[in-house]
């Protein structure tokens, strides 16, 4: 499988990344291990997780369980060196981690050590901040986003404080690279400037939502990514399953995410279902699996570092992995552009 360099680091990651947020809730440990085995067999080397996983739901009783699933696989397989591992420090308000404390030099050592212990490893390749202390316009907050209450001085002081703490983790060998998640262009630019001014860890990637239905990244962040060599790690490339077509016509398959989250985190709207219909028609016209088309399209984007997908079955996993072998024609790409113009920002 194609590999991409992670920012300006020497780390090479597969163009597809195995997401893990259902392991420990919708998936058993054994199922998680089977997914890792299959993904590596098919050429992936990149796994993404977070200290707060699993989700659906996020619960005090299960937080950290996904990292434990991965840790048990490392211990059992002895294949830690074959994996580029990414995890995340939860942001302010996540009450099940450090009582919702914001990210700071006080929380970073504790969070890193906790993840290392659960993951049964000596190091994390990419350590990400799950969302910024000041808040984010992600997860449908863009419709009423208002940054006027932010304190720029406090934000910059926090960034310097956090980067200094990250440098200590790098010096200890606990982490190799630093990434952001659910960030903006301005925020990422400030992290970059601070790291370069102070000689501290530089942002290697941004993990934001991105799909045929969610293209907030296409303008300012795209420009930043290309010019600053900070690749996107796209999550929800199938828009929580909408782009597979399985929810069309009011269907709610048993065991699907919609049975646990009725609105799919605000993604299920009439306009979204209409947009999905347009993309399904394109896939059908060209003999493509719609999920593979959606993932393969993400892989064509000029700022893409890796596309993160999750699966609750090995069958779903195999479909997603197959996207790595799909090449989209110019005609398909043109039709996708036309559908996007007709159905912009559907949720």
C-alpha atoms as a PDB file:
ATOM      1  CA  UNK A   1       0.000   0.000   0.000  1.00  0.00           C
ATOM      2  CA  UNK A   2       1.109   3.552  -0.729  1.00  0.00           C
ATOM      3  CA  UNK A   3       2.941   5.252   2.145  1.00  0.00           C
ATOM      4  CA  UNK A   4       2.999   8.956   2.958  1.00  0.00           C
ATOM      5  CA  UNK A   5       5.461  10.837   5.121  1.00  0.00           C
ATOM      6  CA  UNK A   6       3.962  12.181   8.341  1.00  0.00           C
ATOM      7  CA  UNK A   7       4.671  15.912   8.154  1.00  0.00           C
ATOM      8  CA  UNK A   8       8.380  16.694   8.337  1.00  0.00           C
ATOM      9  CA  UNK A   9       9.083  13.625  10.457  1.00  0.00           C
ATOM     10  CA  UNK A  10      10.747  10.579   8.996  1.00  0.00           C
ATOM     11  CA  UNK A  11       7.706   8.472   9.870  1.00  0.00           C
ATOM     12  CA  UNK A  12       6.027   6.754   6.913  1.00  0.00           C
ATOM     13  CA  UNK A  13       2.329   5.905   7.292  1.00  0.00           C
ATOM     14  CA  UNK A  14       0.021   3.918   5.050  1.00  0.00           C
ATOM     15  CA  UNK A  15      -2.483   5.911   2.981  1.00  0.00           C
ATOM     16  CA  UNK A  16      -5.218   4.124   4.934  1.00  0.00           C
ATOM     17  CA  UNK A  17      -5.321   4.085   8.734  1.00  0.00           C
ATOM     18  CA  UNK A  18      -7.219   1.619  10.913  1.00  0.00           C
ATOM     19  CA  UNK A  19      -9.543   3.359  13.358  1.00  0.00           C
ATOM     20  CA  UNK A  20     -10.336   1.645  16.631  1.00  0.00           C
ATOM     21  CA  UNK A  21     -13.083   3.538  18.451  1.00  0.00           C
ATOM     22  CA  UNK A  22     -15.526   0.604  18.548  1.00  0.00           C
ATOM     23  CA  UNK A  23     -13.105  -1.855  20.138  1.00  0.00           C
ATOM     24  CA  UNK A  24     -14.284  -2.544  23.655  1.00  0.00           C
ATOM     25  CA  UNK A  25     -17.909  -1.554  23.042  1.00  0.00           C
ATOM     26  CA  UNK A  26     -19.339  -2.672  19.707  1.00  0.00           C
ATOM     27  CA  UNK A  27     -16.364  -4.976  19.147  1.00  0.00           C
ATOM     28  CA  UNK A  28     -14.756  -7.503  21.476  1.00  0.00           C
ATOM     29  CA  UNK A  29     -11.029  -7.687  22.109  1.00  0.00           C
ATOM     30  CA  UNK A  30     -10.816 -10.729  19.839  1.00  0.00           C
ATOM     31  CA  UNK A  31     -12.572  -8.873  17.032  1.00  0.00           C
ATOM     32  CA  UNK A  32     -10.243  -5.912  17.435  1.00  0.00           C
ATOM     33  CA  UNK A  33      -7.240  -8.221  17.211  1.00  0.00           C
ATOM     34  CA  UNK A  34      -8.643  -9.869  14.089  1.00  0.00           C
ATOM     35  CA  UNK A  35      -9.022  -6.448  12.479  1.00  0.00           C
ATOM     36  CA  UNK A  36      -5.415  -5.525  13.262  1.00  0.00           C
ATOM     37  CA  UNK A  37      -4.169  -8.814  11.830  1.00  0.00           C
ATOM     38  CA  UNK A  38      -6.168  -8.359   8.622  1.00  0.00           C
ATOM     39  CA  UNK A  39      -5.151  -4.717   8.192  1.00  0.00           C
ATOM     40  CA  UNK A  40      -1.441  -5.478   8.541  1.00  0.00           C
ATOM     41  CA  UNK A  41      -1.804  -8.421   6.190  1.00  0.00           C
ATOM     42  CA  UNK A  42      -3.201  -5.999   3.596  1.00  0.00           C
ATOM     43  CA  UNK A  43      -0.365  -3.494   3.904  1.00  0.00           C
ATOM     44  CA  UNK A  44      -1.538  -1.036   6.568  1.00  0.00           C
ATOM     45  CA  UNK A  45       0.936   0.041   9.210  1.00  0.00           C
ATOM     46  CA  UNK A  46      -1.069   2.834  10.877  1.00  0.00           C
ATOM     47  CA  UNK A  47      -3.541   2.519  13.803  1.00  0.00           C
ATOM     48  CA  UNK A  48      -5.343   5.437  15.432  1.00  0.00           C
ATOM     49  CA  UNK A  49      -6.840   5.396  18.921  1.00  0.00           C
ATOM     50  CA  UNK A  50      -7.501   7.709  21.882  1.00  0.00           C
ATOM     51  CA  UNK A  51      -7.473   7.512  25.656  1.00  0.00           C
ATOM     52  CA  UNK A  52     -11.260   8.172  25.734  1.00  0.00           C
ATOM     53  CA  UNK A  53     -12.205   5.295  23.393  1.00  0.00           C
ATOM     54  CA  UNK A  54     -14.412   3.307  22.947  1.00  0.00           C
ATOM     55  CA  UNK A  55     -17.385   5.435  21.954  1.00  0.00           C
ATOM     56  CA  UNK A  56     -21.068   4.628  21.394  1.00  0.00           C
ATOM     57  CA  UNK A  57     -21.307   5.388  24.223  1.00  0.00           C
ATOM     58  CA  UNK A  58     -18.422   7.106  25.987  1.00  0.00           C
ATOM     59  CA  UNK A  59     -18.645   5.851  29.559  1.00  0.00           C
ATOM     60  CA  UNK A  60     -16.580   5.972  32.735  1.00  0.00           C
ATOM     61  CA  UNK A  61     -16.674   2.173  32.865  1.00  0.00           C
ATOM     62  CA  UNK A  62     -15.163   1.689  29.414  1.00  0.00           C
ATOM     63  CA  UNK A  63     -12.818   4.655  28.927  1.00  0.00           C
ATOM     64  CA  UNK A  64      -9.336   3.414  28.048  1.00  0.00           C
ATOM     65  CA  UNK A  65     -10.542  -0.018  27.011  1.00  0.00           C
ATOM     66  CA  UNK A  66      -9.638   0.448  23.341  1.00  0.00           C
ATOM     67  CA  UNK A  67      -6.027   1.205  24.216  1.00  0.00           C
ATOM     68  CA  UNK A  68      -6.061  -1.953  26.352  1.00  0.00           C
ATOM     69  CA  UNK A  69      -7.263  -3.979  23.359  1.00  0.00           C
ATOM     70  CA  UNK A  70      -4.322  -2.708  21.319  1.00  0.00           C
ATOM     71  CA  UNK A  71      -1.940  -3.262  24.212  1.00  0.00           C
ATOM     72  CA  UNK A  72      -2.992  -6.881  24.517  1.00  0.00           C
ATOM     73  CA  UNK A  73      -2.374  -7.346  20.785  1.00  0.00           C
ATOM     74  CA  UNK A  74       1.134  -5.903  21.133  1.00  0.00           C
ATOM     75  CA  UNK A  75       1.836  -8.190  24.092  1.00  0.00           C
ATOM     76  CA  UNK A  76       0.458 -11.261  22.346  1.00  0.00           C
ATOM     77  CA  UNK A  77       1.899 -10.675  18.891  1.00  0.00           C
ATOM     78  CA  UNK A  78       5.251  -9.047  19.643  1.00  0.00           C
ATOM     79  CA  UNK A  79       4.727  -6.926  16.502  1.00  0.00           C
ATOM     80  CA  UNK A  80       4.913  -3.429  17.978  1.00  0.00           C
ATOM     81  CA  UNK A  81       7.648  -2.438  15.533  1.00  0.00           C
ATOM     82  CA  UNK A  82       5.333  -3.075  12.558  1.00  0.00           C
ATOM     83  CA  UNK A  83       2.821  -0.436  13.657  1.00  0.00           C
ATOM     84  CA  UNK A  84       2.786   3.357  13.572  1.00  0.00           C
ATOM     85  CA  UNK A  85       0.573   4.102  16.560  1.00  0.00           C
ATOM     86  CA  UNK A  86      -1.391   7.308  17.118  1.00  0.00           C
ATOM     87  CA  UNK A  87      -3.287   8.174  20.283  1.00  0.00           C
ATOM     88  CA  UNK A  88      -4.902  11.293  21.744  1.00  0.00           C
ATOM     89  CA  UNK A  89      -5.054  13.383  24.915  1.00  0.00           C
ATOM     90  CA  UNK A  90      -8.699  14.270  25.684  1.00  0.00           C
ATOM     91  CA  UNK A  91      -9.552  17.951  25.770  1.00  0.00           C
ATOM     92  CA  UNK A  92     -11.302  20.145  28.295  1.00  0.00           C
ATOM     93  CA  UNK A  93     -14.694  18.936  29.459  1.00  0.00           C
ATOM     94  CA  UNK A  94     -14.131  15.192  29.074  1.00  0.00           C
ATOM     95  CA  UNK A  95     -15.343  14.442  32.604  1.00  0.00           C
ATOM     96  CA  UNK A  96     -14.151  10.819  32.627  1.00  0.00           C
ATOM     97  CA  UNK A  97     -10.507  11.886  32.147  1.00  0.00           C
ATOM     98  CA  UNK A  98      -8.907  14.004  34.873  1.00  0.00           C
ATOM     99  CA  UNK A  99     -12.374  15.377  35.772  1.00  0.00           C
ATOM    100  CA  UNK A 100     -12.501  17.379  32.558  1.00  0.00           C
ATOM    101  CA  UNK A 101      -9.312  19.368  33.127  1.00  0.00           C
ATOM    102  CA  UNK A 102      -7.986  21.284  30.108  1.00  0.00           C
ATOM    103  CA  UNK A 103      -4.810  20.164  28.346  1.00  0.00           C
ATOM    104  CA  UNK A 104      -1.744  21.554  30.124  1.00  0.00           C
ATOM    105  CA  UNK A 105       1.783  20.754  31.231  1.00  0.00           C
ATOM    106  CA  UNK A 106       0.187  19.210  34.348  1.00  0.00           C
ATOM    107  CA  UNK A 107      -2.091  16.814  32.459  1.00  0.00           C
ATOM    108  CA  UNK A 108       0.229  15.781  29.625  1.00  0.00           C
ATOM    109  CA  UNK A 109       2.635  13.563  31.629  1.00  0.00           C
ATOM    110  CA  UNK A 110      -0.232  11.777  33.360  1.00  0.00           C
ATOM    111  CA  UNK A 111      -2.150  11.267  30.121  1.00  0.00           C
ATOM    112  CA  UNK A 112       0.894   9.982  28.235  1.00  0.00           C
ATOM    113  CA  UNK A 113       1.876   7.574  31.010  1.00  0.00           C
ATOM    114  CA  UNK A 114      -1.684   6.266  31.240  1.00  0.00           C
ATOM    115  CA  UNK A 115      -1.816   5.584  27.519  1.00  0.00           C
ATOM    116  CA  UNK A 116       1.606   3.910  27.515  1.00  0.00           C
ATOM    117  CA  UNK A 117       0.523   1.656  30.376  1.00  0.00           C
ATOM    118  CA  UNK A 118      -2.719   0.605  28.688  1.00  0.00           C
ATOM    119  CA  UNK A 119      -1.044   0.203  25.297  1.00  0.00           C
ATOM    120  CA  UNK A 120       1.770  -1.888  26.794  1.00  0.00           C
ATOM    121  CA  UNK A 121       4.369   0.003  24.816  1.00  0.00           C
ATOM    122  CA  UNK A 122       7.336   2.260  25.538  1.00  0.00           C
ATOM    123  CA  UNK A 123       6.388   4.918  22.991  1.00  0.00           C
ATOM    124  CA  UNK A 124       3.568   6.475  20.975  1.00  0.00           C
ATOM    125  CA  UNK A 125       4.498   7.439  17.425  1.00  0.00           C
ATOM    126  CA  UNK A 126       1.982  10.283  17.054  1.00  0.00           C
ATOM    127  CA  UNK A 127       0.504  11.979  20.107  1.00  0.00           C
ATOM    128  CA  UNK A 128      -2.462  14.212  19.332  1.00  0.00           C
ATOM    129  CA  UNK A 129      -4.550  16.756  21.239  1.00  0.00           C
ATOM    130  CA  UNK A 130      -8.125  15.576  20.696  1.00  0.00           C
ATOM    131  CA  UNK A 131      -9.660  19.075  20.587  1.00  0.00           C
ATOM    132  CA  UNK A 132      -8.389  22.527  21.530  1.00  0.00           C
ATOM    133  CA  UNK A 133      -8.900  24.031  24.968  1.00  0.00           C
ATOM    134  CA  UNK A 134     -10.530  27.086  23.423  1.00  0.00           C
ATOM    135  CA  UNK A 135     -13.165  24.977  21.650  1.00  0.00           C
ATOM    136  CA  UNK A 136     -13.742  23.967  18.045  1.00  0.00           C
ATOM    137  CA  UNK A 137     -16.154  24.538  15.186  1.00  0.00           C
ATOM    138  CA  UNK A 138     -16.154  20.833  14.389  1.00  0.00           C
ATOM    139  CA  UNK A 139     -19.086  18.469  14.999  1.00  0.00           C
ATOM    140  CA  UNK A 140     -21.694  20.778  13.471  1.00  0.00           C
ATOM    141  CA  UNK A 141     -20.721  23.752  15.635  1.00  0.00           C
ATOM    142  CA  UNK A 142     -19.668  25.630  12.488  1.00  0.00           C
ATOM    143  CA  UNK A 143     -23.227  26.849  11.900  1.00  0.00           C
ATOM    144  CA  UNK A 144     -23.110  29.185  14.905  1.00  0.00           C
ATOM    145  CA  UNK A 145     -19.375  29.428  15.507  1.00  0.00           C
ATOM    146  CA  UNK A 146     -18.344  32.530  17.449  1.00  0.00           C
ATOM    147  CA  UNK A 147     -14.686  32.873  18.534  1.00  0.00           C
ATOM    148  CA  UNK A 148     -15.151  36.364  19.980  1.00  0.00           C
ATOM    149  CA  UNK A 149     -14.952  35.082  23.549  1.00  0.00           C
ATOM    150  CA  UNK A 150     -11.461  33.666  23.105  1.00  0.00           C
ATOM    151  CA  UNK A 151      -8.476  35.041  25.005  1.00  0.00           C
ATOM    152  CA  UNK A 152      -5.578  35.124  22.540  1.00  0.00           C
ATOM    153  CA  UNK A 153      -2.945  35.781  25.210  1.00  0.00           C
ATOM    154  CA  UNK A 154      -4.122  32.806  27.264  1.00  0.00           C
ATOM    155  CA  UNK A 155      -4.265  30.596  24.160  1.00  0.00           C
ATOM    156  CA  UNK A 156      -0.690  31.379  23.169  1.00  0.00           C
ATOM    157  CA  UNK A 157       0.543  30.892  26.733  1.00  0.00           C
ATOM    158  CA  UNK A 158      -1.173  27.500  26.802  1.00  0.00           C
ATOM    159  CA  UNK A 159       0.459  26.498  23.515  1.00  0.00           C
ATOM    160  CA  UNK A 160       3.937  27.313  24.789  1.00  0.00           C
ATOM    161  CA  UNK A 161       3.260  25.516  28.077  1.00  0.00           C
ATOM    162  CA  UNK A 162       1.959  22.400  26.276  1.00  0.00           C
ATOM    163  CA  UNK A 163       4.774  22.302  23.733  1.00  0.00           C
ATOM    164  CA  UNK A 164       7.381  22.514  26.479  1.00  0.00           C
ATOM    165  CA  UNK A 165       5.691  19.569  28.211  1.00  0.00           C
ATOM    166  CA  UNK A 166       5.607  17.632  24.938  1.00  0.00           C
ATOM    167  CA  UNK A 167       9.313  18.276  24.441  1.00  0.00           C
ATOM    168  CA  UNK A 168       9.972  16.572  27.767  1.00  0.00           C
ATOM    169  CA  UNK A 169       7.998  13.557  26.556  1.00  0.00           C
ATOM    170  CA  UNK A 170      10.014  13.498  23.329  1.00  0.00           C
ATOM    171  CA  UNK A 171      13.244  13.709  25.337  1.00  0.00           C
ATOM    172  CA  UNK A 172      12.119  10.740  27.441  1.00  0.00           C
ATOM    173  CA  UNK A 173      11.348   8.743  24.309  1.00  0.00           C
ATOM    174  CA  UNK A 174       7.651   8.494  25.189  1.00  0.00           C
ATOM    175  CA  UNK A 175       6.419  10.132  21.986  1.00  0.00           C
ATOM    176  CA  UNK A 176       7.930  10.619  18.528  1.00  0.00           C
ATOM    177  CA  UNK A 177       5.693  13.223  16.904  1.00  0.00           C
ATOM    178  CA  UNK A 178       2.902  15.655  17.751  1.00  0.00           C
ATOM    179  CA  UNK A 179      -0.446  16.160  16.025  1.00  0.00           C
ATOM    180  CA  UNK A 180      -3.651  18.135  16.403  1.00  0.00           C
ATOM    181  CA  UNK A 181      -7.286  17.163  16.033  1.00  0.00           C
ATOM    182  CA  UNK A 182     -10.474  19.138  15.454  1.00  0.00           C
ATOM    183  CA  UNK A 183      -8.321  22.230  14.859  1.00  0.00           C
ATOM    184  CA  UNK A 184      -8.660  25.355  12.739  1.00  0.00           C
ATOM    185  CA  UNK A 185      -6.284  27.058  10.320  1.00  0.00           C
ATOM    186  CA  UNK A 186      -5.556  29.882  12.766  1.00  0.00           C
ATOM    187  CA  UNK A 187      -4.961  27.491  15.644  1.00  0.00           C
ATOM    188  CA  UNK A 188      -2.645  25.271  13.633  1.00  0.00           C
ATOM    189  CA  UNK A 189      -0.705  28.288  12.371  1.00  0.00           C
ATOM    190  CA  UNK A 190      -0.137  29.439  15.955  1.00  0.00           C
ATOM    191  CA  UNK A 191       1.087  26.006  17.035  1.00  0.00           C
ATOM    192  CA  UNK A 192       3.469  25.996  14.075  1.00  0.00           C
ATOM    193  CA  UNK A 193       4.768  29.500  14.764  1.00  0.00           C
ATOM    194  CA  UNK A 194       5.248  28.766  18.451  1.00  0.00           C
ATOM    195  CA  UNK A 195       7.126  25.536  17.778  1.00  0.00           C
ATOM    196  CA  UNK A 196       9.429  27.206  15.238  1.00  0.00           C
ATOM    197  CA  UNK A 197      10.079  30.268  17.404  1.00  0.00           C
ATOM    198  CA  UNK A 198      10.889  28.142  20.466  1.00  0.00           C
ATOM    199  CA  UNK A 199      12.469  25.075  18.863  1.00  0.00           C
ATOM    200  CA  UNK A 200       9.725  22.822  20.235  1.00  0.00           C
ATOM    201  CA  UNK A 201       7.827  19.862  18.682  1.00  0.00           C
ATOM    202  CA  UNK A 202       6.291  20.817  15.329  1.00  0.00           C
ATOM    203  CA  UNK A 203       2.780  19.825  14.293  1.00  0.00           C
ATOM    204  CA  UNK A 204       2.991  16.836  11.959  1.00  0.00           C
ATOM    205  CA  UNK A 205      -0.705  16.318  11.184  1.00  0.00           C
ATOM    206  CA  UNK A 206      -4.264  17.448  11.789  1.00  0.00           C
ATOM    207  CA  UNK A 207      -7.004  14.887  12.393  1.00  0.00           C
ATOM    208  CA  UNK A 208     -10.299  16.464  11.308  1.00  0.00           C
ATOM    209  CA  UNK A 209     -13.522  15.118   9.877  1.00  0.00           C
ATOM    210  CA  UNK A 210     -13.469  14.920   6.090  1.00  0.00           C
ATOM    211  CA  UNK A 211     -15.632  13.170   3.537  1.00  0.00           C
ATOM    212  CA  UNK A 212     -17.706  13.758   0.416  1.00  0.00           C
ATOM    213  CA  UNK A 213     -20.321  15.239   2.788  1.00  0.00           C
ATOM    214  CA  UNK A 214     -17.994  17.209   5.083  1.00  0.00           C
ATOM    215  CA  UNK A 215     -15.511  19.394   3.207  1.00  0.00           C
ATOM    216  CA  UNK A 216     -14.728  22.199   5.654  1.00  0.00           C
ATOM    217  CA  UNK A 217     -11.034  21.411   5.123  1.00  0.00           C
ATOM    218  CA  UNK A 218     -11.013  22.322   1.439  1.00  0.00           C
ATOM    219  CA  UNK A 219      -9.988  25.991   1.669  1.00  0.00           C
ATOM    220  CA  UNK A 220      -7.863  27.571   4.396  1.00  0.00           C
ATOM    221  CA  UNK A 221      -6.744  24.326   6.020  1.00  0.00           C
ATOM    222  CA  UNK A 222      -5.954  22.803   2.627  1.00  0.00           C
ATOM    223  CA  UNK A 223      -3.650  25.736   1.876  1.00  0.00           C
ATOM    224  CA  UNK A 224      -1.984  25.447   5.271  1.00  0.00           C
ATOM    225  CA  UNK A 225      -1.523  21.677   4.857  1.00  0.00           C
ATOM    226  CA  UNK A 226       0.212  21.971   1.509  1.00  0.00           C
ATOM    227  CA  UNK A 227       2.419  24.939   2.336  1.00  0.00           C
ATOM    228  CA  UNK A 228       3.410  23.815   5.825  1.00  0.00           C
ATOM    229  CA  UNK A 229       3.596  20.062   5.141  1.00  0.00           C
ATOM    230  CA  UNK A 230       0.982  19.211   7.761  1.00  0.00           C
ATOM    231  CA  UNK A 231      -1.159  16.417   6.340  1.00  0.00           C
ATOM    232  CA  UNK A 232      -4.787  15.703   7.096  1.00  0.00           C
ATOM    233  CA  UNK A 233      -5.700  12.492   8.873  1.00  0.00           C
ATOM    234  CA  UNK A 234      -9.316  12.288   7.753  1.00  0.00           C
ATOM    235  CA  UNK A 235     -11.805  10.734  10.139  1.00  0.00           C
ATOM    236  CA  UNK A 236     -15.363   9.673   9.239  1.00  0.00           C
ATOM    237  CA  UNK A 237     -14.625   9.363   5.489  1.00  0.00           C
ATOM    238  CA  UNK A 238     -17.928   7.488   5.180  1.00  0.00           C
ATOM    239  CA  UNK A 239     -19.824  10.118   7.219  1.00  0.00           C
ATOM    240  CA  UNK A 240     -20.613   7.644  10.003  1.00  0.00           C
ATOM    241  CA  UNK A 241     -21.817   5.108   7.440  1.00  0.00           C
ATOM    242  CA  UNK A 242     -24.132   7.398   5.457  1.00  0.00           C
ATOM    243  CA  UNK A 243     -22.014   7.109   2.310  1.00  0.00           C
ATOM    244  CA  UNK A 244     -22.374   3.327   2.212  1.00  0.00           C
ATOM    245  CA  UNK A 245     -26.045   3.863   1.391  1.00  0.00           C
ATOM    246  CA  UNK A 246     -27.220   1.584   4.188  1.00  0.00           C
ATOM    247  CA  UNK A 247     -29.448   4.271   5.723  1.00  0.00           C
ATOM    248  CA  UNK A 248     -31.239   5.263   2.517  1.00  0.00           C
ATOM    249  CA  UNK A 249     -35.015   4.965   2.425  1.00  0.00           C
ATOM    250  CA  UNK A 250     -35.294   5.130   6.202  1.00  0.00           C
ATOM    251  CA  UNK A 251     -33.397   1.887   6.777  1.00  0.00           C
ATOM    252  CA  UNK A 252     -31.692   1.347  10.131  1.00  0.00           C
ATOM    253  CA  UNK A 253     -29.758  -1.941   9.977  1.00  0.00           C
ATOM    254  CA  UNK A 254     -29.553  -3.927  13.184  1.00  0.00           C
ATOM    255  CA  UNK A 255     -26.314  -3.232  15.046  1.00  0.00           C
ATOM    256  CA  UNK A 256     -25.537  -0.132  12.981  1.00  0.00           C
ATOM    257  CA  UNK A 257     -24.356   3.106  14.520  1.00  0.00           C
ATOM    258  CA  UNK A 258     -27.775   4.700  13.991  1.00  0.00           C
ATOM    259  CA  UNK A 259     -29.255   2.215  16.458  1.00  0.00           C
ATOM    260  CA  UNK A 260     -26.971   3.800  19.062  1.00  0.00           C
ATOM    261  CA  UNK A 261     -26.992   7.392  17.800  1.00  0.00           C
ATOM    262  CA  UNK A 262     -30.224   8.338  16.034  1.00  0.00           C
ATOM    263  CA  UNK A 263     -28.868  11.446  14.276  1.00  0.00           C
ATOM    264  CA  UNK A 264     -25.328  10.136  13.702  1.00  0.00           C
ATOM    265  CA  UNK A 265     -23.975  13.122  15.593  1.00  0.00           C
ATOM    266  CA  UNK A 266     -26.071  15.585  13.607  1.00  0.00           C
ATOM    267  CA  UNK A 267     -25.096  14.125  10.232  1.00  0.00           C
ATOM    268  CA  UNK A 268     -28.478  12.590   9.384  1.00  0.00           C
ATOM    269  CA  UNK A 269     -30.464  15.264   7.569  1.00  0.00           C
ATOM    270  CA  UNK A 270     -32.745  15.244   4.565  1.00  0.00           C
ATOM    271  CA  UNK A 271     -30.161  17.127   2.529  1.00  0.00           C
ATOM    272  CA  UNK A 272     -27.467  14.634   3.537  1.00  0.00           C
ATOM    273  CA  UNK A 273     -29.582  11.706   2.361  1.00  0.00           C
ATOM    274  CA  UNK A 274     -30.222  13.504  -0.934  1.00  0.00           C
ATOM    275  CA  UNK A 275     -26.484  14.063  -1.359  1.00  0.00           C
ATOM    276  CA  UNK A 276     -25.775  10.416  -0.578  1.00  0.00           C
ATOM    277  CA  UNK A 277     -28.289   9.481  -3.267  1.00  0.00           C
ATOM    278  CA  UNK A 278     -26.320  11.499  -5.821  1.00  0.00           C
ATOM    279  CA  UNK A 279     -23.051   9.807  -4.882  1.00  0.00           C
ATOM    280  CA  UNK A 280     -24.678   6.372  -4.929  1.00  0.00           C
ATOM    281  CA  UNK A 281     -25.831   7.053  -8.487  1.00  0.00           C
ATOM    282  CA  UNK A 282     -22.281   7.957  -9.537  1.00  0.00           C
ATOM    283  CA  UNK A 283     -20.915   4.753  -8.013  1.00  0.00           C
ATOM    284  CA  UNK A 284     -23.594   2.650  -9.688  1.00  0.00           C
ATOM    285  CA  UNK A 285     -22.991   4.231 -13.101  1.00  0.00           C
ATOM    286  CA  UNK A 286     -19.303   3.399 -12.924  1.00  0.00           C
ATOM    287  CA  UNK A 287     -19.527  -0.024 -11.289  1.00  0.00           C
ATOM    288  CA  UNK A 288     -17.929   1.141  -8.029  1.00  0.00           C
ATOM    289  CA  UNK A 289     -18.650   0.152  -4.467  1.00  0.00           C
ATOM    290  CA  UNK A 290     -19.902   3.424  -2.898  1.00  0.00           C
ATOM    291  CA  UNK A 291     -17.836   3.037   0.267  1.00  0.00           C
ATOM    292  CA  UNK A 292     -14.694   2.349  -1.731  1.00  0.00           C
ATOM    293  CA  UNK A 293     -15.414   5.295  -4.004  1.00  0.00           C
ATOM    294  CA  UNK A 294     -15.814   7.618  -1.012  1.00  0.00           C
ATOM    295  CA  UNK A 295     -12.568   6.484   0.615  1.00  0.00           C
ATOM    296  CA  UNK A 296     -10.625   6.421  -2.656  1.00  0.00           C
ATOM    297  CA  UNK A 297     -11.799   9.984  -3.377  1.00  0.00           C
ATOM    298  CA  UNK A 298     -10.405  11.137  -0.025  1.00  0.00           C
ATOM    299  CA  UNK A 299      -7.075   9.567  -0.965  1.00  0.00           C
ATOM    300  CA  UNK A 300      -6.885  11.754  -4.095  1.00  0.00           C
ATOM    301  CA  UNK A 301      -6.896  15.010  -2.152  1.00  0.00           C
ATOM    302  CA  UNK A 302      -3.609  16.957  -2.320  1.00  0.00           C
ATOM    303  CA  UNK A 303      -3.392  17.485   1.446  1.00  0.00           C
ATOM    304  CA  UNK A 304      -4.173  13.938   2.559  1.00  0.00           C
ATOM    305  CA  UNK A 305      -1.834  12.221   4.985  1.00  0.00           C
ATOM    306  CA  UNK A 306      -3.972   9.158   5.691  1.00  0.00           C
ATOM    307  CA  UNK A 307      -7.656   8.230   5.648  1.00  0.00           C
ATOM    308  CA  UNK A 308      -8.919   6.746   8.914  1.00  0.00           C
ATOM    309  CA  UNK A 309     -11.742   4.232   8.706  1.00  0.00           C
ATOM    310  CA  UNK A 310     -13.398   2.028  11.274  1.00  0.00           C
ATOM    311  CA  UNK A 311     -15.269  -1.246  10.938  1.00  0.00           C
ATOM    312  CA  UNK A 312     -17.409  -3.381  13.186  1.00  0.00           C
ATOM    313  CA  UNK A 313     -16.901  -6.532  11.095  1.00  0.00           C
ATOM    314  CA  UNK A 314     -14.125  -8.069   9.037  1.00  0.00           C
ATOM    315  CA  UNK A 315     -16.451  -7.874   6.022  1.00  0.00           C
ATOM    316  CA  UNK A 316     -16.705  -4.093   6.408  1.00  0.00           C
ATOM    317  CA  UNK A 317     -12.962  -3.974   6.960  1.00  0.00           C
ATOM    318  CA  UNK A 318     -12.258  -5.814   3.709  1.00  0.00           C
ATOM    319  CA  UNK A 319     -14.473  -3.415   1.755  1.00  0.00           C
ATOM    320  CA  UNK A 320     -12.652  -0.404   3.179  1.00  0.00           C
ATOM    321  CA  UNK A 321      -9.237  -1.951   2.583  1.00  0.00           C
ATOM    322  CA  UNK A 322     -10.227  -2.548  -1.022  1.00  0.00           C
ATOM    323  CA  UNK A 323     -10.373   1.217  -1.540  1.00  0.00           C
ATOM    324  CA  UNK A 324      -6.590   1.165  -1.610  1.00  0.00           C
ATOM    325  CA  UNK A 325      -6.778  -0.567  -4.994  1.00  0.00           C
ATOM    326  CA  UNK A 326      -9.430   1.726  -6.517  1.00  0.00           C
ATOM    327  CA  UNK A 327      -8.410   4.363  -9.037  1.00  0.00           C
ATOM    328  CA  UNK A 328     -11.070   6.949  -9.876  1.00  0.00           C
ATOM    329  CA  UNK A 329     -11.310   8.148 -13.471  1.00  0.00           C
ATOM    330  CA  UNK A 330     -11.418  11.798 -14.449  1.00  0.00           C
ATOM    331  CA  UNK A 331     -15.053  11.300 -15.372  1.00  0.00           C
ATOM    332  CA  UNK A 332     -15.905  10.032 -11.892  1.00  0.00           C
ATOM    333  CA  UNK A 333     -14.032  12.915 -10.283  1.00  0.00           C
ATOM    334  CA  UNK A 334     -15.878  15.429 -12.453  1.00  0.00           C
ATOM    335  CA  UNK A 335     -19.229  13.896 -11.533  1.00  0.00           C
ATOM    336  CA  UNK A 336     -18.295  13.999  -7.840  1.00  0.00           C
ATOM    337  CA  UNK A 337     -17.455  17.704  -8.184  1.00  0.00           C
ATOM    338  CA  UNK A 338     -20.831  18.336  -9.835  1.00  0.00           C
ATOM    339  CA  UNK A 339     -22.654  16.474  -7.050  1.00  0.00           C
ATOM    340  CA  UNK A 340     -20.791  18.499  -4.438  1.00  0.00           C
ATOM    341  CA  UNK A 341     -21.828  21.772  -6.097  1.00  0.00           C
ATOM    342  CA  UNK A 342     -25.444  20.569  -6.129  1.00  0.00           C
ATOM    343  CA  UNK A 343     -25.366  19.336  -2.520  1.00  0.00           C
ATOM    344  CA  UNK A 344     -22.883  21.501  -0.544  1.00  0.00           C
ATOM    345  CA  UNK A 345     -22.507  21.246   3.229  1.00  0.00           C
ATOM    346  CA  UNK A 346     -25.474  18.931   3.756  1.00  0.00           C
ATOM    347  CA  UNK A 347     -25.054  18.756   7.552  1.00  0.00           C
END
